[in-house]
């Protein structure tokens, strides 16, 4: 819900700046933002999941600290990469990465 609201806000903001959108363009934009954000989030979450699994096996006494730090880094990285580099929904990307981490840990 929050991610969809942010995407709709971006559409409304672009329309206020003078961009012309029709129904098909808005639908294509929403689908692109949602699908690409989820796919990127799954890729980033998968990378961090592998990294967390590798850290868990190697370091016993500090593995919980490393897992927490990598989980936080995953959230920030997914948001920054999605919003800053790809210009897609950072919230949806972070949600999908977090759901992947939560399902496997």
Protein backbone atom coordinates (compact mmCIF):
# COMPACT_ATOMS: atom_id res chain seq x y z
CA UNK A 1 0.00 0.00 0.00
CA UNK A 2 2.72 2.47 0.93
CA UNK A 3 4.75 1.64 -2.15
CA UNK A 4 1.76 2.07 -4.43
CA UNK A 5 0.94 5.41 -2.81
CA UNK A 6 4.48 6.65 -3.42
CA UNK A 7 4.36 5.56 -7.06
CA UNK A 8 1.01 7.33 -7.53
CA UNK A 9 2.46 10.44 -5.88
CA UNK A 10 5.33 10.37 -8.38
CA UNK A 11 2.82 10.20 -11.25
CA UNK A 12 0.79 13.10 -9.84
CA UNK A 13 3.95 15.15 -9.24
CA UNK A 14 5.14 14.56 -12.81
CA UNK A 15 1.73 15.63 -14.10
CA UNK A 16 1.95 18.85 -12.08
CA UNK A 17 5.33 19.54 -13.67
CA UNK A 18 3.75 19.38 -17.10
CA UNK A 19 4.21 15.80 -18.24
CA UNK A 20 1.25 14.46 -20.16
CA UNK A 21 -0.06 11.07 -19.08
CA UNK A 22 -2.98 9.07 -20.42
CA UNK A 23 -4.50 5.98 -18.84
CA UNK A 24 -2.25 3.58 -20.78
CA UNK A 25 0.91 5.48 -19.87
CA UNK A 26 -0.03 5.56 -16.18
CA UNK A 27 -0.80 1.83 -16.19
CA UNK A 28 2.47 1.01 -17.95
CA UNK A 29 4.38 3.21 -15.49
CA UNK A 30 2.76 1.54 -12.47
CA UNK A 31 3.45 -1.95 -13.79
CA UNK A 32 7.04 -1.06 -14.65
CA UNK A 33 7.69 0.48 -11.24
CA UNK A 34 6.14 -2.43 -9.37
CA UNK A 35 7.61 -5.32 -11.37
CA UNK A 36 11.12 -3.91 -11.70
CA UNK A 37 11.21 -2.90 -8.04
CA UNK A 38 10.15 -6.38 -6.90
CA UNK A 39 12.66 -8.10 -9.19
CA UNK A 40 15.50 -5.83 -8.09
CA UNK A 41 14.54 -6.36 -4.45
CA UNK A 42 14.60 -10.12 -4.87
CA UNK A 43 18.02 -9.92 -6.52
CA UNK A 44 19.48 -7.71 -3.79
CA UNK A 45 17.81 -9.76 -1.06
CA UNK A 46 19.18 -12.96 -2.58
CA UNK A 47 22.68 -11.51 -2.67
CA UNK A 48 22.49 -10.46 0.98
CA UNK A 49 20.92 -13.79 1.95
CA UNK A 50 23.89 -15.65 0.49
CA UNK A 51 26.23 -13.25 2.27
CA UNK A 52 24.45 -13.79 5.60
CA UNK A 53 24.54 -17.57 5.13
CA UNK A 54 28.27 -17.42 4.41
CA UNK A 55 28.91 -15.31 7.51
CA UNK A 56 26.83 -17.65 9.65
CA UNK A 57 28.94 -20.65 8.71
CA UNK A 58 32.34 -19.04 9.19
CA UNK A 59 32.05 -16.97 12.35
CA UNK A 60 30.26 -18.44 15.33
CA UNK A 61 30.89 -15.92 18.09
CA UNK A 62 30.07 -12.81 16.04
CA UNK A 63 27.60 -14.20 13.54
CA UNK A 64 24.53 -12.60 15.12
CA UNK A 65 26.10 -9.13 14.97
CA UNK A 66 27.13 -9.65 11.37
CA UNK A 67 23.65 -10.90 10.45
CA UNK A 68 22.00 -7.83 11.96
CA UNK A 69 24.42 -5.47 10.20
CA UNK A 70 23.96 -7.21 6.86
CA UNK A 71 20.18 -7.12 7.25
CA UNK A 72 20.28 -3.35 7.86
CA UNK A 73 22.70 -2.91 4.96
CA UNK A 74 20.31 -4.85 2.72
CA UNK A 75 17.45 -2.48 3.54
CA UNK A 76 19.48 0.67 2.88
CA UNK A 77 21.19 -0.74 -0.20
CA UNK A 78 17.97 -1.88 -1.82
CA UNK A 79 16.32 1.50 -1.30
CA UNK A 80 19.30 3.56 -2.48
CA UNK A 81 19.97 1.41 -5.55
CA UNK A 82 16.30 1.42 -6.59
CA UNK A 83 15.65 5.13 -6.08
CA UNK A 84 19.08 6.54 -6.89
CA UNK A 85 20.28 4.40 -9.78
CA UNK A 86 17.24 2.81 -11.42
CA UNK A 87 14.61 5.46 -10.53
CA UNK A 88 12.07 2.84 -9.47
CA UNK A 89 10.17 2.42 -6.21
CA UNK A 90 12.65 2.06 -3.35
CA UNK A 91 9.90 1.14 -0.91
CA UNK A 92 8.69 -1.81 -2.99
CA UNK A 93 12.28 -2.90 -3.60
CA UNK A 94 13.04 -2.82 0.13
CA UNK A 95 9.84 -4.72 0.94
CA UNK A 96 10.62 -7.53 -1.50
CA UNK A 97 14.23 -7.81 -0.30
CA UNK A 98 13.05 -7.89 3.31
CA UNK A 99 10.42 -10.53 2.62
CA UNK A 100 13.02 -12.74 0.99
CA UNK A 101 15.35 -12.38 3.97
CA UNK A 102 12.53 -13.02 6.44
CA UNK A 103 11.33 -16.13 4.64
CA UNK A 104 14.73 -17.83 4.63
CA UNK A 105 16.18 -16.79 7.97
